[in-house]
C-alpha cells in the first residue's frame, strides 16, 4: 500500500505546465535497461536495451543513501537494503531518467523507474519502506525532495526498516527546505 502512495505522490510532483526550479534544467535523457547485478542498496549494473550508448553500466540512483555492504564496510541494515534492492530490481527492465551526470567513481546518476509511465520510482519505494534515507546532492533532485522527505518522515514515524533497527547514519536535518 505504501508503494502505491509513493507512486501517487510522485506523479503529482511532475505536473505539466507547472513552473518549478526544474524548468531551468536541461531536458533529461531516458535509457531503458535490464538490471544484471546488485552491488548494494544504492548501486547496481545494467545492460542497456535502448538509449545507453556511451553511458556507464554501473548505476547510482539519485536522492538516496543506503547502509553500506561493500568496500570493507558492513553497516547496520546494509544486507537488508541490498536484498530489498535485489528483490525489486534484479532481472527487471528499468527506465533510467538521467542528465548524463556521473559520480567520481563513474556511476551514472539516474532516477530509476520501474515502469515506462514513470509512476513507480525505485528511490521512493526504498525510502518509504525504510531501506534508505534521502540524500540531496544535485539541483535536478530538488523537484522530488519535498515528496521524498515526506516519505522518509513517514518511515521514521512508523519505525520502518533501518529506522527501527539502527541508529541511522542518515538521520540528518531536513535537506529540502528552501535556502
C-alpha atoms as a PDB file:
ATOM      1  CA  UNK A   1       0.000   0.000   0.000  1.00  0.00           C
ATOM      2  CA  UNK A   2       2.804   2.460   0.875  1.00  0.00           C
ATOM      3  CA  UNK A   3       4.395   1.789  -2.543  1.00  0.00           C
ATOM      4  CA  UNK A   4       1.169   2.901  -4.234  1.00  0.00           C
ATOM      5  CA  UNK A   5       1.049   6.022  -2.065  1.00  0.00           C
ATOM      6  CA  UNK A   6       4.656   6.815  -3.002  1.00  0.00           C
ATOM      7  CA  UNK A   7       3.834   6.477  -6.715  1.00  0.00           C
ATOM      8  CA  UNK A   8       0.769   8.727  -6.417  1.00  0.00           C
ATOM      9  CA  UNK A   9       2.737  11.351  -4.514  1.00  0.00           C
ATOM     10  CA  UNK A  10       5.464  11.314  -7.133  1.00  0.00           C
ATOM     11  CA  UNK A  11       3.041  11.641 -10.024  1.00  0.00           C
ATOM     12  CA  UNK A  12       1.852  14.954  -8.557  1.00  0.00           C
ATOM     13  CA  UNK A  13       5.393  16.352  -8.412  1.00  0.00           C
ATOM     14  CA  UNK A  14       5.966  16.373 -12.165  1.00  0.00           C
ATOM     15  CA  UNK A  15       2.866  18.264 -13.277  1.00  0.00           C
ATOM     16  CA  UNK A  16       2.911  19.661 -16.796  1.00  0.00           C
ATOM     17  CA  UNK A  17       2.602  23.415 -17.031  1.00  0.00           C
ATOM     18  CA  UNK A  18       3.888  23.974 -13.501  1.00  0.00           C
ATOM     19  CA  UNK A  19       6.697  26.471 -13.085  1.00  0.00           C
ATOM     20  CA  UNK A  20       9.418  24.933 -10.935  1.00  0.00           C
ATOM     21  CA  UNK A  21      13.137  25.125 -10.309  1.00  0.00           C
ATOM     22  CA  UNK A  22      13.405  22.154 -12.682  1.00  0.00           C
ATOM     23  CA  UNK A  23      12.374  24.428 -15.572  1.00  0.00           C
ATOM     24  CA  UNK A  24      15.930  25.773 -15.732  1.00  0.00           C
ATOM     25  CA  UNK A  25      17.429  22.275 -16.048  1.00  0.00           C
ATOM     26  CA  UNK A  26      18.242  20.717 -19.408  1.00  0.00           C
ATOM     27  CA  UNK A  27      15.816  18.055 -20.598  1.00  0.00           C
ATOM     28  CA  UNK A  28      16.749  14.657 -19.158  1.00  0.00           C
ATOM     29  CA  UNK A  29      17.501  11.621 -21.306  1.00  0.00           C
ATOM     30  CA  UNK A  30      15.919   8.223 -20.791  1.00  0.00           C
ATOM     31  CA  UNK A  31      17.638   4.879 -21.220  1.00  0.00           C
ATOM     32  CA  UNK A  32      15.917   1.527 -20.915  1.00  0.00           C
ATOM     33  CA  UNK A  33      17.920  -1.299 -19.377  1.00  0.00           C
ATOM     34  CA  UNK A  34      17.768  -4.633 -17.607  1.00  0.00           C
ATOM     35  CA  UNK A  35      19.343  -4.861 -14.155  1.00  0.00           C
ATOM     36  CA  UNK A  36      22.041  -7.567 -14.237  1.00  0.00           C
ATOM     37  CA  UNK A  37      23.811  -7.278 -10.867  1.00  0.00           C
ATOM     38  CA  UNK A  38      23.123  -5.679  -7.482  1.00  0.00           C
ATOM     39  CA  UNK A  39      26.176  -4.306  -5.638  1.00  0.00           C
ATOM     40  CA  UNK A  40      24.258  -2.930  -2.659  1.00  0.00           C
ATOM     41  CA  UNK A  41      21.089  -0.998  -1.888  1.00  0.00           C
ATOM     42  CA  UNK A  42      22.083   2.012  -3.971  1.00  0.00           C
ATOM     43  CA  UNK A  43      24.374   0.638  -6.682  1.00  0.00           C
ATOM     44  CA  UNK A  44      23.674  -1.814  -9.479  1.00  0.00           C
ATOM     45  CA  UNK A  45      24.726  -2.781 -13.013  1.00  0.00           C
ATOM     46  CA  UNK A  46      22.580  -2.787 -16.138  1.00  0.00           C
ATOM     47  CA  UNK A  47      22.603  -3.988 -19.715  1.00  0.00           C
ATOM     48  CA  UNK A  48      21.089  -1.331 -21.948  1.00  0.00           C
ATOM     49  CA  UNK A  49      18.224  -2.053 -24.321  1.00  0.00           C
ATOM     50  CA  UNK A  50      17.931   1.490 -25.741  1.00  0.00           C
ATOM     51  CA  UNK A  51      19.446   4.890 -25.060  1.00  0.00           C
ATOM     52  CA  UNK A  52      22.569   3.662 -23.284  1.00  0.00           C
ATOM     53  CA  UNK A  53      25.192   4.341 -25.920  1.00  0.00           C
ATOM     54  CA  UNK A  54      28.351   5.597 -24.218  1.00  0.00           C
ATOM     55  CA  UNK A  55      26.833   5.514 -20.715  1.00  0.00           C
ATOM     56  CA  UNK A  56      28.314   3.705 -17.713  1.00  0.00           C
ATOM     57  CA  UNK A  57      26.626   0.399 -16.898  1.00  0.00           C
ATOM     58  CA  UNK A  58      27.076   0.979 -13.166  1.00  0.00           C
ATOM     59  CA  UNK A  59      24.110   2.983 -11.823  1.00  0.00           C
ATOM     60  CA  UNK A  60      23.714   5.119  -8.687  1.00  0.00           C
ATOM     61  CA  UNK A  61      20.126   6.228  -8.046  1.00  0.00           C
ATOM     62  CA  UNK A  62      19.677   9.927  -7.331  1.00  0.00           C
ATOM     63  CA  UNK A  63      18.418  11.136  -3.946  1.00  0.00           C
ATOM     64  CA  UNK A  64      19.069   8.100  -1.740  1.00  0.00           C
ATOM     65  CA  UNK A  65      21.693   6.657   0.531  1.00  0.00           C
ATOM     66  CA  UNK A  66      21.537   3.124   1.879  1.00  0.00           C
ATOM     67  CA  UNK A  67      23.698   1.470   4.516  1.00  0.00           C
ATOM     68  CA  UNK A  68      26.928   0.070   3.072  1.00  0.00           C
ATOM     69  CA  UNK A  69      27.767  -3.575   2.491  1.00  0.00           C
ATOM     70  CA  UNK A  70      30.823  -3.136   0.243  1.00  0.00           C
ATOM     71  CA  UNK A  71      34.349  -1.724   0.355  1.00  0.00           C
ATOM     72  CA  UNK A  72      35.042  -3.363   3.697  1.00  0.00           C
ATOM     73  CA  UNK A  73      32.013  -1.777   5.379  1.00  0.00           C
ATOM     74  CA  UNK A  74      29.050  -3.624   6.796  1.00  0.00           C
ATOM     75  CA  UNK A  75      26.669  -1.073   8.260  1.00  0.00           C
ATOM     76  CA  UNK A  76      23.502  -1.788  10.195  1.00  0.00           C
ATOM     77  CA  UNK A  77      20.670  -2.767   7.827  1.00  0.00           C
ATOM     78  CA  UNK A  78      23.025  -2.871   4.812  1.00  0.00           C
ATOM     79  CA  UNK A  79      22.330  -6.530   3.953  1.00  0.00           C
ATOM     80  CA  UNK A  80      18.576  -5.950   4.238  1.00  0.00           C
ATOM     81  CA  UNK A  81      18.742  -2.888   1.958  1.00  0.00           C
ATOM     82  CA  UNK A  82      20.799  -4.844  -0.565  1.00  0.00           C
ATOM     83  CA  UNK A  83      18.349  -7.746  -0.521  1.00  0.00           C
ATOM     84  CA  UNK A  84      15.384  -5.382  -0.935  1.00  0.00           C
ATOM     85  CA  UNK A  85      17.069  -3.772  -3.964  1.00  0.00           C
ATOM     86  CA  UNK A  86      17.740  -7.237  -5.367  1.00  0.00           C
ATOM     87  CA  UNK A  87      14.060  -8.190  -4.940  1.00  0.00           C
ATOM     88  CA  UNK A  88      12.859  -5.021  -6.683  1.00  0.00           C
ATOM     89  CA  UNK A  89      15.446  -4.734  -9.441  1.00  0.00           C
ATOM     90  CA  UNK A  90      17.342  -7.889 -10.364  1.00  0.00           C
ATOM     91  CA  UNK A  91      16.400  -9.078 -13.865  1.00  0.00           C
ATOM     92  CA  UNK A  92      13.882  -6.276 -14.236  1.00  0.00           C
ATOM     93  CA  UNK A  93      13.582  -3.749 -17.033  1.00  0.00           C
ATOM     94  CA  UNK A  94      14.046  -0.209 -15.694  1.00  0.00           C
ATOM     95  CA  UNK A  95      13.744   3.264 -17.188  1.00  0.00           C
ATOM     96  CA  UNK A  96      16.698   5.460 -16.235  1.00  0.00           C
ATOM     97  CA  UNK A  97      15.949   9.180 -16.420  1.00  0.00           C
ATOM     98  CA  UNK A  98      19.302  10.965 -16.303  1.00  0.00           C
ATOM     99  CA  UNK A  99      21.204  14.133 -17.093  1.00  0.00           C
ATOM    100  CA  UNK A 100      24.451  12.390 -18.057  1.00  0.00           C
ATOM    101  CA  UNK A 101      25.929  13.157 -14.633  1.00  0.00           C
ATOM    102  CA  UNK A 102      28.352  10.608 -13.180  1.00  0.00           C
ATOM    103  CA  UNK A 103      29.774  10.105  -9.705  1.00  0.00           C
ATOM    104  CA  UNK A 104      33.515  10.369  -9.122  1.00  0.00           C
ATOM    105  CA  UNK A 105      33.731   6.568  -9.455  1.00  0.00           C
ATOM    106  CA  UNK A 106      31.941   6.580 -12.849  1.00  0.00           C
ATOM    107  CA  UNK A 107      28.445   5.531 -11.797  1.00  0.00           C
ATOM    108  CA  UNK A 108      25.608   7.094 -13.805  1.00  0.00           C
ATOM    109  CA  UNK A 109      23.237   9.068 -11.593  1.00  0.00           C
ATOM    110  CA  UNK A 110      19.633   8.370 -12.558  1.00  0.00           C
ATOM    111  CA  UNK A 111      16.046   8.417 -11.436  1.00  0.00           C
ATOM    112  CA  UNK A 112      15.174   4.712 -11.632  1.00  0.00           C
ATOM    113  CA  UNK A 113      11.610   3.974 -12.712  1.00  0.00           C
ATOM    114  CA  UNK A 114      10.076   0.504 -12.626  1.00  0.00           C
ATOM    115  CA  UNK A 115       7.578   1.367 -15.381  1.00  0.00           C
ATOM    116  CA  UNK A 116       7.554   3.321 -18.630  1.00  0.00           C
ATOM    117  CA  UNK A 117       4.883   5.738 -17.350  1.00  0.00           C
ATOM    118  CA  UNK A 118       7.304   6.908 -14.604  1.00  0.00           C
ATOM    119  CA  UNK A 119       4.831   6.193 -11.806  1.00  0.00           C
ATOM    120  CA  UNK A 120       6.950   3.784  -9.719  1.00  0.00           C
ATOM    121  CA  UNK A 121      10.213   5.373  -8.666  1.00  0.00           C
ATOM    122  CA  UNK A 122      12.651   2.932  -7.067  1.00  0.00           C
ATOM    123  CA  UNK A 123      14.017   5.656  -4.786  1.00  0.00           C
ATOM    124  CA  UNK A 124      10.547   6.473  -3.416  1.00  0.00           C
ATOM    125  CA  UNK A 125       9.812   2.837  -2.706  1.00  0.00           C
ATOM    126  CA  UNK A 126      13.037   2.163  -0.771  1.00  0.00           C
ATOM    127  CA  UNK A 127      12.692   5.382   1.236  1.00  0.00           C
ATOM    128  CA  UNK A 128       9.006   4.730   2.012  1.00  0.00           C
ATOM    129  CA  UNK A 129       9.833   1.212   3.216  1.00  0.00           C
ATOM    130  CA  UNK A 130      12.730   2.371   5.419  1.00  0.00           C
ATOM    131  CA  UNK A 131      15.596   0.858   3.407  1.00  0.00           C
ATOM    132  CA  UNK A 132      17.180   4.219   2.508  1.00  0.00           C
ATOM    133  CA  UNK A 133      17.231   7.830   3.512  1.00  0.00           C
ATOM    134  CA  UNK A 134      17.234  10.842   1.248  1.00  0.00           C
ATOM    135  CA  UNK A 135      20.498  12.413   0.208  1.00  0.00           C
ATOM    136  CA  UNK A 136      20.083  15.639  -1.774  1.00  0.00           C
ATOM    137  CA  UNK A 137      23.239  16.379  -3.753  1.00  0.00           C
ATOM    138  CA  UNK A 138      22.248  17.910  -7.111  1.00  0.00           C
ATOM    139  CA  UNK A 139      19.860  20.560  -8.424  1.00  0.00           C
ATOM    140  CA  UNK A 140      17.993  18.067 -10.613  1.00  0.00           C
ATOM    141  CA  UNK A 141      16.935  16.207  -7.442  1.00  0.00           C
ATOM    142  CA  UNK A 142      15.255  19.231  -5.869  1.00  0.00           C
ATOM    143  CA  UNK A 143      11.806  18.848  -7.549  1.00  0.00           C
ATOM    144  CA  UNK A 144      11.355  15.497  -5.766  1.00  0.00           C
ATOM    145  CA  UNK A 145      12.971  16.455  -2.486  1.00  0.00           C
ATOM    146  CA  UNK A 146       9.909  17.574  -0.509  1.00  0.00           C
ATOM    147  CA  UNK A 147       7.958  14.470  -1.504  1.00  0.00           C
ATOM    148  CA  UNK A 148      10.894  12.210  -0.674  1.00  0.00           C
ATOM    149  CA  UNK A 149      11.352  13.980   2.666  1.00  0.00           C
ATOM    150  CA  UNK A 150       7.689  13.287   3.483  1.00  0.00           C
ATOM    151  CA  UNK A 151       8.175   9.588   2.658  1.00  0.00           C
ATOM    152  CA  UNK A 152      11.269   9.449   4.876  1.00  0.00           C
ATOM    153  CA  UNK A 153       9.462  11.220   7.718  1.00  0.00           C
ATOM    154  CA  UNK A 154       6.615   8.708   7.468  1.00  0.00           C
ATOM    155  CA  UNK A 155       9.036   5.746   7.515  1.00  0.00           C
ATOM    156  CA  UNK A 156      10.735   7.252  10.582  1.00  0.00           C
ATOM    157  CA  UNK A 157       7.460   7.800  12.424  1.00  0.00           C
ATOM    158  CA  UNK A 158       6.352   4.233  11.653  1.00  0.00           C
ATOM    159  CA  UNK A 159       9.810   2.933  12.618  1.00  0.00           C
ATOM    160  CA  UNK A 160      10.169   1.013   9.370  1.00  0.00           C
ATOM    161  CA  UNK A 161      13.352  -0.743   8.316  1.00  0.00           C
ATOM    162  CA  UNK A 162      16.537   0.959   9.359  1.00  0.00           C
ATOM    163  CA  UNK A 163      14.609   3.454  11.483  1.00  0.00           C
ATOM    164  CA  UNK A 164      13.701   0.606  13.868  1.00  0.00           C
ATOM    165  CA  UNK A 165      16.859  -1.487  13.593  1.00  0.00           C
ATOM    166  CA  UNK A 166      19.685   1.045  13.759  1.00  0.00           C
ATOM    167  CA  UNK A 167      20.941   4.415  14.720  1.00  0.00           C
ATOM    168  CA  UNK A 168      20.754   5.539  11.086  1.00  0.00           C
ATOM    169  CA  UNK A 169      23.805   7.110   9.519  1.00  0.00           C
ATOM    170  CA  UNK A 170      21.485   9.470   7.688  1.00  0.00           C
ATOM    171  CA  UNK A 171      19.384  10.938  10.466  1.00  0.00           C
ATOM    172  CA  UNK A 172      20.354  14.452   9.381  1.00  0.00           C
ATOM    173  CA  UNK A 173      18.450  17.750   9.489  1.00  0.00           C
ATOM    174  CA  UNK A 174      15.825  18.455   6.843  1.00  0.00           C
ATOM    175  CA  UNK A 175      17.540  18.772   3.478  1.00  0.00           C
ATOM    176  CA  UNK A 176      14.679  20.112   1.393  1.00  0.00           C
ATOM    177  CA  UNK A 177      13.965  23.448   2.975  1.00  0.00           C
ATOM    178  CA  UNK A 178      14.469  26.433   0.702  1.00  0.00           C
ATOM    179  CA  UNK A 179      17.706  28.331   1.309  1.00  0.00           C
END
